[in-house]
Amino acid sequence: MKIIIKTFASVYDICGFSDREMEISPECTVADVICMLVKQYHELQEVVDELLFAVNEEYCSGTRKLIDNVVLANFPPVSGG
């Protein structure tokens, strides 16, 4: 299966890409993909517990199972004022 991973803010700074296609196995969850990214980008471990996730622009948890051709966005918490 293929998915698109989008990164923002400090996650972009760590990973160095804004979007990337990734091949994953069926039954992968958001948490599985994040673990794969942490293995590639070790600094991500420092912020991984604070990350927010969205699949196709809908917030979700790490237990969300992924299907083919979804967009997985991951970013740190945001605030505004």
PDB file of N, CA and C in Angstrom:
ATOM      1  N   MET A   1       0.840  -1.173   0.000  1.00  0.00           N
ATOM      2  CA  MET A   1       0.000   0.000   0.000  1.00  0.00           C
ATOM      3  C   MET A   1       0.885   1.236   0.000  1.00  0.00           C
ATOM      4  N   LYS A   2       0.375   2.284  -0.597  1.00  0.00           N
ATOM      5  CA  LYS A   2       1.086   3.555  -0.592  1.00  0.00           C
ATOM      6  C   LYS A   2       0.269   4.593   0.159  1.00  0.00           C
ATOM      7  N   ILE A   3       0.982   5.413   0.938  1.00  0.00           N
ATOM      8  CA  ILE A   3       0.363   6.547   1.618  1.00  0.00           C
ATOM      9  C   ILE A   3       1.241   7.766   1.371  1.00  0.00           C
ATOM     10  N   ILE A   4       0.697   8.921   1.642  1.00  0.00           N
ATOM     11  CA  ILE A   4       1.463  10.166   1.601  1.00  0.00           C
ATOM     12  C   ILE A   4       1.613  10.645   3.040  1.00  0.00           C
ATOM     13  N   ILE A   5       2.831  10.982   3.422  1.00  0.00           N
ATOM     14  CA  ILE A   5       3.095  11.522   4.758  1.00  0.00           C
ATOM     15  C   ILE A   5       3.391  13.002   4.600  1.00  0.00           C
ATOM     16  N   LYS A   6       2.709  13.824   5.381  1.00  0.00           N
ATOM     17  CA  LYS A   6       2.940  15.267   5.399  1.00  0.00           C
ATOM     18  C   LYS A   6       3.473  15.657   6.773  1.00  0.00           C
ATOM     19  N   THR A   7       4.471  16.536   6.780  1.00  0.00           N
ATOM     20  CA  THR A   7       5.048  17.004   8.034  1.00  0.00           C
ATOM     21  C   THR A   7       4.957  18.520   8.109  1.00  0.00           C
ATOM     22  N   PHE A   8       4.889  19.029   9.324  1.00  0.00           N
ATOM     23  CA  PHE A   8       4.756  20.459   9.555  1.00  0.00           C
ATOM     24  C   PHE A   8       5.637  20.879  10.731  1.00  0.00           C
ATOM     25  N   ALA A   9       6.009  22.150  10.744  1.00  0.00           N
ATOM     26  CA  ALA A   9       6.719  22.791  11.853  1.00  0.00           C
ATOM     27  C   ALA A   9       7.965  22.001  12.269  1.00  0.00           C
ATOM     28  N   SER A  10       8.087  21.671  13.543  1.00  0.00           N
ATOM     29  CA  SER A  10       9.305  21.001  14.025  1.00  0.00           C
ATOM     30  C   SER A  10       9.473  19.605  13.428  1.00  0.00           C
ATOM     31  N   VAL A  11       8.381  18.953  13.066  1.00  0.00           N
ATOM     32  CA  VAL A  11       8.484  17.632  12.434  1.00  0.00           C
ATOM     33  C   VAL A  11       9.134  17.782  11.065  1.00  0.00           C
ATOM     34  N   TYR A  12       8.757  18.822  10.335  1.00  0.00           N
ATOM     35  CA  TYR A  12       9.401  19.125   9.051  1.00  0.00           C
ATOM     36  C   TYR A  12      10.889  19.406   9.262  1.00  0.00           C
ATOM     37  N   ASP A  13      11.206  20.200  10.287  1.00  0.00           N
ATOM     38  CA  ASP A  13      12.604  20.527  10.573  1.00  0.00           C
ATOM     39  C   ASP A  13      13.435  19.270  10.826  1.00  0.00           C
ATOM     40  N   ILE A  14      12.867  18.315  11.517  1.00  0.00           N
ATOM     41  CA  ILE A  14      13.582  17.077  11.840  1.00  0.00           C
ATOM     42  C   ILE A  14      13.697  16.168  10.613  1.00  0.00           C
ATOM     43  N   CYS A  15      12.587  15.977   9.911  1.00  0.00           N
ATOM     44  CA  CYS A  15      12.554  15.016   8.802  1.00  0.00           C
ATOM     45  C   CYS A  15      13.086  15.588   7.496  1.00  0.00           C
ATOM     46  N   GLY A  16      12.946  16.885   7.305  1.00  0.00           N
ATOM     47  CA  GLY A  16      13.475  17.512   6.103  1.00  0.00           C
ATOM     48  C   GLY A  16      12.618  17.352   4.857  1.00  0.00           C
ATOM     49  N   PHE A  17      11.377  16.964   5.010  1.00  0.00           N
ATOM     50  CA  PHE A  17      10.470  16.905   3.861  1.00  0.00           C
ATOM     51  C   PHE A  17       9.089  17.380   4.286  1.00  0.00           C
ATOM     52  N   SER A  18       8.368  17.952   3.326  1.00  0.00           N
ATOM     53  CA  SER A  18       7.007  18.391   3.638  1.00  0.00           C
ATOM     54  C   SER A  18       5.990  17.320   3.269  1.00  0.00           C
ATOM     55  N   ASP A  19       6.270  16.562   2.219  1.00  0.00           N
ATOM     56  CA  ASP A  19       5.425  15.411   1.922  1.00  0.00           C
ATOM     57  C   ASP A  19       6.248  14.365   1.180  1.00  0.00           C
ATOM     58  N   ARG A  20       5.874  13.131   1.434  1.00  0.00           N
ATOM     59  CA  ARG A  20       6.638  12.008   0.899  1.00  0.00           C
ATOM     60  C   ARG A  20       5.723  10.803   0.762  1.00  0.00           C
ATOM     61  N   GLU A  21       5.903  10.073  -0.317  1.00  0.00           N
ATOM     62  CA  GLU A  21       5.162   8.836  -0.502  1.00  0.00           C
ATOM     63  C   GLU A  21       5.889   7.727   0.256  1.00  0.00           C
ATOM     64  N   MET A  22       5.125   6.852   0.877  1.00  0.00           N
ATOM     65  CA  MET A  22       5.722   5.758   1.647  1.00  0.00           C
ATOM     66  C   MET A  22       4.950   4.471   1.362  1.00  0.00           C
ATOM     67  N   GLU A  23       5.679   3.407   1.199  1.00  0.00           N
ATOM     68  CA  GLU A  23       5.089   2.081   0.999  1.00  0.00           C
ATOM     69  C   GLU A  23       4.949   1.428   2.375  1.00  0.00           C
ATOM     70  N   ILE A  24       3.741   0.979   2.697  1.00  0.00           N
ATOM     71  CA  ILE A  24       3.507   0.318   3.984  1.00  0.00           C
ATOM     72  C   ILE A  24       2.780  -1.001   3.750  1.00  0.00           C
ATOM     73  N   SER A  25       2.819  -1.849   4.748  1.00  0.00           N
ATOM     74  CA  SER A  25       2.116  -3.122   4.634  1.00  0.00           C
ATOM     75  C   SER A  25       0.652  -2.944   5.064  1.00  0.00           C
ATOM     76  N   PRO A  26      -0.214  -3.809   4.569  1.00  0.00           N
ATOM     77  CA  PRO A  26      -1.615  -3.748   5.005  1.00  0.00           C
ATOM     78  C   PRO A  26      -1.703  -3.911   6.521  1.00  0.00           C
ATOM     79  N   GLU A  27      -2.723  -3.335   7.096  1.00  0.00           N
ATOM     80  CA  GLU A  27      -2.966  -3.392   8.541  1.00  0.00           C
ATOM     81  C   GLU A  27      -2.046  -2.484   9.355  1.00  0.00           C
ATOM     82  N   CYS A  28      -1.244  -1.659   8.713  1.00  0.00           N
ATOM     83  CA  CYS A  28      -0.405  -0.701   9.442  1.00  0.00           C
ATOM     84  C   CYS A  28      -1.288   0.341  10.115  1.00  0.00           C
ATOM     85  N   THR A  29      -0.853   0.773  11.282  1.00  0.00           N
ATOM     86  CA  THR A  29      -1.537   1.847  11.990  1.00  0.00           C
ATOM     87  C   THR A  29      -0.700   3.115  11.896  1.00  0.00           C
ATOM     88  N   VAL A  30      -1.280   4.216  12.327  1.00  0.00           N
ATOM     89  CA  VAL A  30      -0.536   5.472  12.400  1.00  0.00           C
ATOM     90  C   VAL A  30       0.708   5.282  13.260  1.00  0.00           C
ATOM     91  N   ALA A  31       0.570   4.630  14.402  1.00  0.00           N
ATOM     92  CA  ALA A  31       1.701   4.407  15.307  1.00  0.00           C
ATOM     93  C   ALA A  31       2.802   3.592  14.627  1.00  0.00           C
ATOM     94  N   ASP A  32       2.439   2.615  13.806  1.00  0.00           N
ATOM     95  CA  ASP A  32       3.439   1.823  13.079  1.00  0.00           C
ATOM     96  C   ASP A  32       4.259   2.713  12.147  1.00  0.00           C
ATOM     97  N   VAL A  33       3.576   3.595  11.440  1.00  0.00           N
ATOM     98  CA  VAL A  33       4.268   4.493  10.513  1.00  0.00           C
ATOM     99  C   VAL A  33       5.172   5.448  11.287  1.00  0.00           C
ATOM    100  N   ILE A  34       4.699   5.966  12.403  1.00  0.00           N
ATOM    101  CA  ILE A  34       5.522   6.875  13.208  1.00  0.00           C
ATOM    102  C   ILE A  34       6.762   6.155  13.715  1.00  0.00           C
ATOM    103  N   CYS A  35       6.620   4.898  14.121  1.00  0.00           N
ATOM    104  CA  CYS A  35       7.792   4.110  14.550  1.00  0.00           C
ATOM    105  C   CYS A  35       8.798   3.974  13.416  1.00  0.00           C
ATOM    106  N   MET A  36       8.307   3.762  12.191  1.00  0.00           N
ATOM    107  CA  MET A  36       9.201   3.675  11.039  1.00  0.00           C
ATOM    108  C   MET A  36       9.944   4.992  10.829  1.00  0.00           C
ATOM    109  N   LEU A  37       9.238   6.103  11.002  1.00  0.00           N
ATOM    110  CA  LEU A  37       9.877   7.409  10.841  1.00  0.00           C
ATOM    111  C   LEU A  37      10.912   7.667  11.930  1.00  0.00           C
ATOM    112  N   VAL A  38      10.607   7.270  13.160  1.00  0.00           N
ATOM    113  CA  VAL A  38      11.550   7.463  14.264  1.00  0.00           C
ATOM    114  C   VAL A  38      12.843   6.681  14.004  1.00  0.00           C
ATOM    115  N   LYS A  39      12.726   5.503  13.402  1.00  0.00           N
ATOM    116  CA  LYS A  39      13.919   4.713  13.072  1.00  0.00           C
ATOM    117  C   LYS A  39      14.792   5.428  12.052  1.00  0.00           C
ATOM    118  N   GLN A  40      14.161   6.176  11.143  1.00  0.00           N
ATOM    119  CA  GLN A  40      14.910   6.914  10.129  1.00  0.00           C
ATOM    120  C   GLN A  40      15.404   8.258  10.645  1.00  0.00           C
ATOM    121  N   TYR A  41      14.606   8.900  11.466  1.00  0.00           N
ATOM    122  CA  TYR A  41      14.899  10.246  11.960  1.00  0.00           C
ATOM    123  C   TYR A  41      14.876  10.209  13.482  1.00  0.00           C
ATOM    124  N   HIS A  42      16.006   9.844  14.069  1.00  0.00           N
ATOM    125  CA  HIS A  42      16.101   9.595  15.504  1.00  0.00           C
ATOM    126  C   HIS A  42      15.665  10.781  16.366  1.00  0.00           C
ATOM    127  N   GLU A  43      15.896  11.998  15.893  1.00  0.00           N
ATOM    128  CA  GLU A  43      15.510  13.182  16.665  1.00  0.00           C
ATOM    129  C   GLU A  43      13.999  13.270  16.864  1.00  0.00           C
ATOM    130  N   LEU A  44      13.255  12.626  16.016  1.00  0.00           N
ATOM    131  CA  LEU A  44      11.799  12.628  16.124  1.00  0.00           C
ATOM    132  C   LEU A  44      11.335  12.025  17.454  1.00  0.00           C
ATOM    133  N   GLN A  45      12.139  11.146  18.024  1.00  0.00           N
ATOM    134  CA  GLN A  45      11.805  10.514  19.300  1.00  0.00           C
ATOM    135  C   GLN A  45      11.569  11.555  20.398  1.00  0.00           C
ATOM    136  N   GLU A  46      12.276  12.693  20.299  1.00  0.00           N
ATOM    137  CA  GLU A  46      12.161  13.732  21.321  1.00  0.00           C
ATOM    138  C   GLU A  46      10.786  14.397  21.342  1.00  0.00           C
ATOM    139  N   VAL A  47      10.077  14.391  20.210  1.00  0.00           N
ATOM    140  CA  VAL A  47       8.777  15.069  20.140  1.00  0.00           C
ATOM    141  C   VAL A  47       7.615  14.133  19.875  1.00  0.00           C
ATOM    142  N   VAL A  48       7.888  12.851  19.687  1.00  0.00           N
ATOM    143  CA  VAL A  48       6.858  11.913  19.241  1.00  0.00           C
ATOM    144  C   VAL A  48       5.667  11.830  20.202  1.00  0.00           C
ATOM    145  N   ASP A  49       5.888  11.974  21.488  1.00  0.00           N
ATOM    146  CA  ASP A  49       4.789  11.873  22.456  1.00  0.00           C
ATOM    147  C   ASP A  49       3.838  13.058  22.390  1.00  0.00           C
ATOM    148  N   GLU A  50       4.257  14.152  21.765  1.00  0.00           N
ATOM    149  CA  GLU A  50       3.436  15.352  21.685  1.00  0.00           C
ATOM    150  C   GLU A  50       2.746  15.509  20.332  1.00  0.00           C
ATOM    151  N   LEU A  51       3.034  14.643  19.388  1.00  0.00           N
ATOM    152  CA  LEU A  51       2.524  14.815  18.033  1.00  0.00           C
ATOM    153  C   LEU A  51       1.014  14.610  17.923  1.00  0.00           C
ATOM    154  N   LEU A  52       0.439  15.337  17.002  1.00  0.00           N
ATOM    155  CA  LEU A  52      -0.952  15.157  16.611  1.00  0.00           C
ATOM    156  C   LEU A  52      -0.957  14.511  15.230  1.00  0.00           C
ATOM    157  N   PHE A  53      -1.997  13.747  14.946  1.00  0.00           N
ATOM    158  CA  PHE A  53      -2.091  13.037  13.671  1.00  0.00           C
ATOM    159  C   PHE A  53      -3.431  13.322  13.022  1.00  0.00           C
ATOM    160  N   ALA A  54      -3.424  13.352  11.703  1.00  0.00           N
ATOM    161  CA  ALA A  54      -4.662  13.480  10.939  1.00  0.00           C
ATOM    162  C   ALA A  54      -4.555  12.595   9.709  1.00  0.00           C
ATOM    163  N   VAL A  55      -5.622  11.894   9.415  1.00  0.00           N
ATOM    164  CA  VAL A  55      -5.703  11.088   8.204  1.00  0.00           C
ATOM    165  C   VAL A  55      -6.763  11.731   7.323  1.00  0.00           C
ATOM    166  N   ASN A  56      -6.342  12.109   6.129  1.00  0.00           N
ATOM    167  CA  ASN A  56      -7.231  12.799   5.195  1.00  0.00           C
ATOM    168  C   ASN A  56      -7.939  13.981   5.862  1.00  0.00           C
ATOM    169  N   GLU A  57      -7.146  14.774   6.593  1.00  0.00           N
ATOM    170  CA  GLU A  57      -7.585  16.014   7.254  1.00  0.00           C
ATOM    171  C   GLU A  57      -8.547  15.798   8.415  1.00  0.00           C
ATOM    172  N   GLU A  58      -8.585  14.593   8.977  1.00  0.00           N
ATOM    173  CA  GLU A  58      -9.420  14.303  10.145  1.00  0.00           C
ATOM    174  C   GLU A  58      -8.512  13.816  11.274  1.00  0.00           C
ATOM    175  N   TYR A  59      -8.538  14.517  12.418  1.00  0.00           N
ATOM    176  CA  TYR A  59      -7.712  14.103  13.546  1.00  0.00           C
ATOM    177  C   TYR A  59      -7.988  12.651  13.910  1.00  0.00           C
ATOM    178  N   CYS A  60      -6.931  11.963  14.350  1.00  0.00           N
ATOM    179  CA  CYS A  60      -7.086  10.558  14.738  1.00  0.00           C
ATOM    180  C   CYS A  60      -6.032  10.197  15.772  1.00  0.00           C
ATOM    181  N   SER A  61      -6.133   8.994  16.296  1.00  0.00           N
ATOM    182  CA  SER A  61      -5.157   8.494  17.269  1.00  0.00           C
ATOM    183  C   SER A  61      -4.159   7.587  16.565  1.00  0.00           C
ATOM    184  N   GLY A  62      -3.172   7.170  17.305  1.00  0.00           N
ATOM    185  CA  GLY A  62      -2.150   6.276  16.765  1.00  0.00           C
ATOM    186  C   GLY A  62      -2.656   4.894  16.430  1.00  0.00           C
ATOM    187  N   THR A  63      -3.821   4.536  16.945  1.00  0.00           N
ATOM    188  CA  THR A  63      -4.353   3.198  16.686  1.00  0.00           C
ATOM    189  C   THR A  63      -5.118   3.109  15.368  1.00  0.00           C
ATOM    190  N   ARG A  64      -5.296   4.232  14.712  1.00  0.00           N
ATOM    191  CA  ARG A  64      -6.043   4.245  13.439  1.00  0.00           C
ATOM    192  C   ARG A  64      -5.343   3.394  12.394  1.00  0.00           C
ATOM    193  N   LYS A  65      -6.061   2.450  11.804  1.00  0.00           N
ATOM    194  CA  LYS A  65      -5.510   1.631  10.717  1.00  0.00           C
ATOM    195  C   LYS A  65      -5.549   2.436   9.434  1.00  0.00           C
ATOM    196  N   LEU A  66      -4.522   2.260   8.634  1.00  0.00           N
ATOM    197  CA  LEU A  66      -4.399   3.008   7.391  1.00  0.00           C
ATOM    198  C   LEU A  66      -4.798   2.147   6.198  1.00  0.00           C
ATOM    199  N   ILE A  67      -5.325   2.808   5.195  1.00  0.00           N
ATOM    200  CA  ILE A  67      -5.672   2.127   3.952  1.00  0.00           C
ATOM    201  C   ILE A  67      -4.888   2.784   2.818  1.00  0.00           C
ATOM    202  N   ASP A  68      -4.937   2.170   1.656  1.00  0.00           N
ATOM    203  CA  ASP A  68      -4.200   2.649   0.498  1.00  0.00           C
ATOM    204  C   ASP A  68      -4.605   4.076   0.129  1.00  0.00           C
ATOM    205  N   ASN A  69      -3.606   4.858  -0.246  1.00  0.00           N
ATOM    206  CA  ASN A  69      -3.785   6.215  -0.789  1.00  0.00           C
ATOM    207  C   ASN A  69      -4.308   7.252   0.187  1.00  0.00           C
ATOM    208  N   VAL A  70      -4.105   7.075   1.480  1.00  0.00           N
ATOM    209  CA  VAL A  70      -4.495   8.117   2.431  1.00  0.00           C
ATOM    210  C   VAL A  70      -3.344   9.097   2.615  1.00  0.00           C
ATOM    211  N   VAL A  71      -3.674  10.244   3.167  1.00  0.00           N
ATOM    212  CA  VAL A  71      -2.677  11.245   3.523  1.00  0.00           C
ATOM    213  C   VAL A  71      -2.601  11.275   5.040  1.00  0.00           C
ATOM    214  N   LEU A  72      -1.409  11.001   5.570  1.00  0.00           N
ATOM    215  CA  LEU A  72      -1.171  11.036   7.013  1.00  0.00           C
ATOM    216  C   LEU A  72      -0.352  12.278   7.330  1.00  0.00           C
ATOM    217  N   ALA A  73      -0.957  13.197   8.063  1.00  0.00           N
ATOM    218  CA  ALA A  73      -0.260  14.411   8.483  1.00  0.00           C
ATOM    219  C   ALA A  73       0.136  14.253   9.939  1.00  0.00           C
ATOM    220  N   ASN A  74       1.341  14.694  10.268  1.00  0.00           N
ATOM    221  CA  ASN A  74       1.771  14.667  11.660  1.00  0.00           C
ATOM    222  C   ASN A  74       2.464  15.987  11.972  1.00  0.00           C
ATOM    223  N   PHE A  75       2.103  16.536  13.131  1.00  0.00           N
ATOM    224  CA  PHE A  75       2.567  17.862  13.485  1.00  0.00           C
ATOM    225  C   PHE A  75       2.495  18.038  14.992  1.00  0.00           C
ATOM    226  N   PRO A  76       3.285  19.000  15.503  1.00  0.00           N
ATOM    227  CA  PRO A  76       3.220  19.281  16.935  1.00  0.00           C
ATOM    228  C   PRO A  76       1.941  20.044  17.256  1.00  0.00           C
ATOM    229  N   PRO A  77       1.571  20.079  18.537  1.00  0.00           N
ATOM    230  CA  PRO A  77       0.386  20.850  18.915  1.00  0.00           C
ATOM    231  C   PRO A  77       0.547  22.306  18.475  1.00  0.00           C
ATOM    232  N   VAL A  78      -0.542  22.922  18.103  1.00  0.00           N
ATOM    233  CA  VAL A  78      -0.515  24.302  17.666  1.00  0.00           C
ATOM    234  C   VAL A  78      -1.355  25.148  18.604  1.00  0.00           C
ATOM    235  N   SER A  79      -0.992  26.407  18.709  1.00  0.00           N
ATOM    236  CA  SER A  79      -1.787  27.333  19.513  1.00  0.00           C
ATOM    237  C   SER A  79      -1.829  28.662  18.781  1.00  0.00           C
ATOM    238  N   GLY A  80      -2.756  29.447  19.151  1.00  0.00           N
ATOM    239  CA  GLY A  80      -2.882  30.740  18.498  1.00  0.00           C
ATOM    240  C   GLY A  80      -3.433  31.758  19.474  1.00  0.00           C
ATOM    241  N   GLY A  81      -3.458  32.953  19.016  1.00  0.00           N
ATOM    242  CA  GLY A  81      -3.983  33.949  19.944  1.00  0.00           C
ATOM    243  C   GLY A  81      -4.337  35.230  19.256  1.00  0.00           C
TER     244      GLY A  81
END
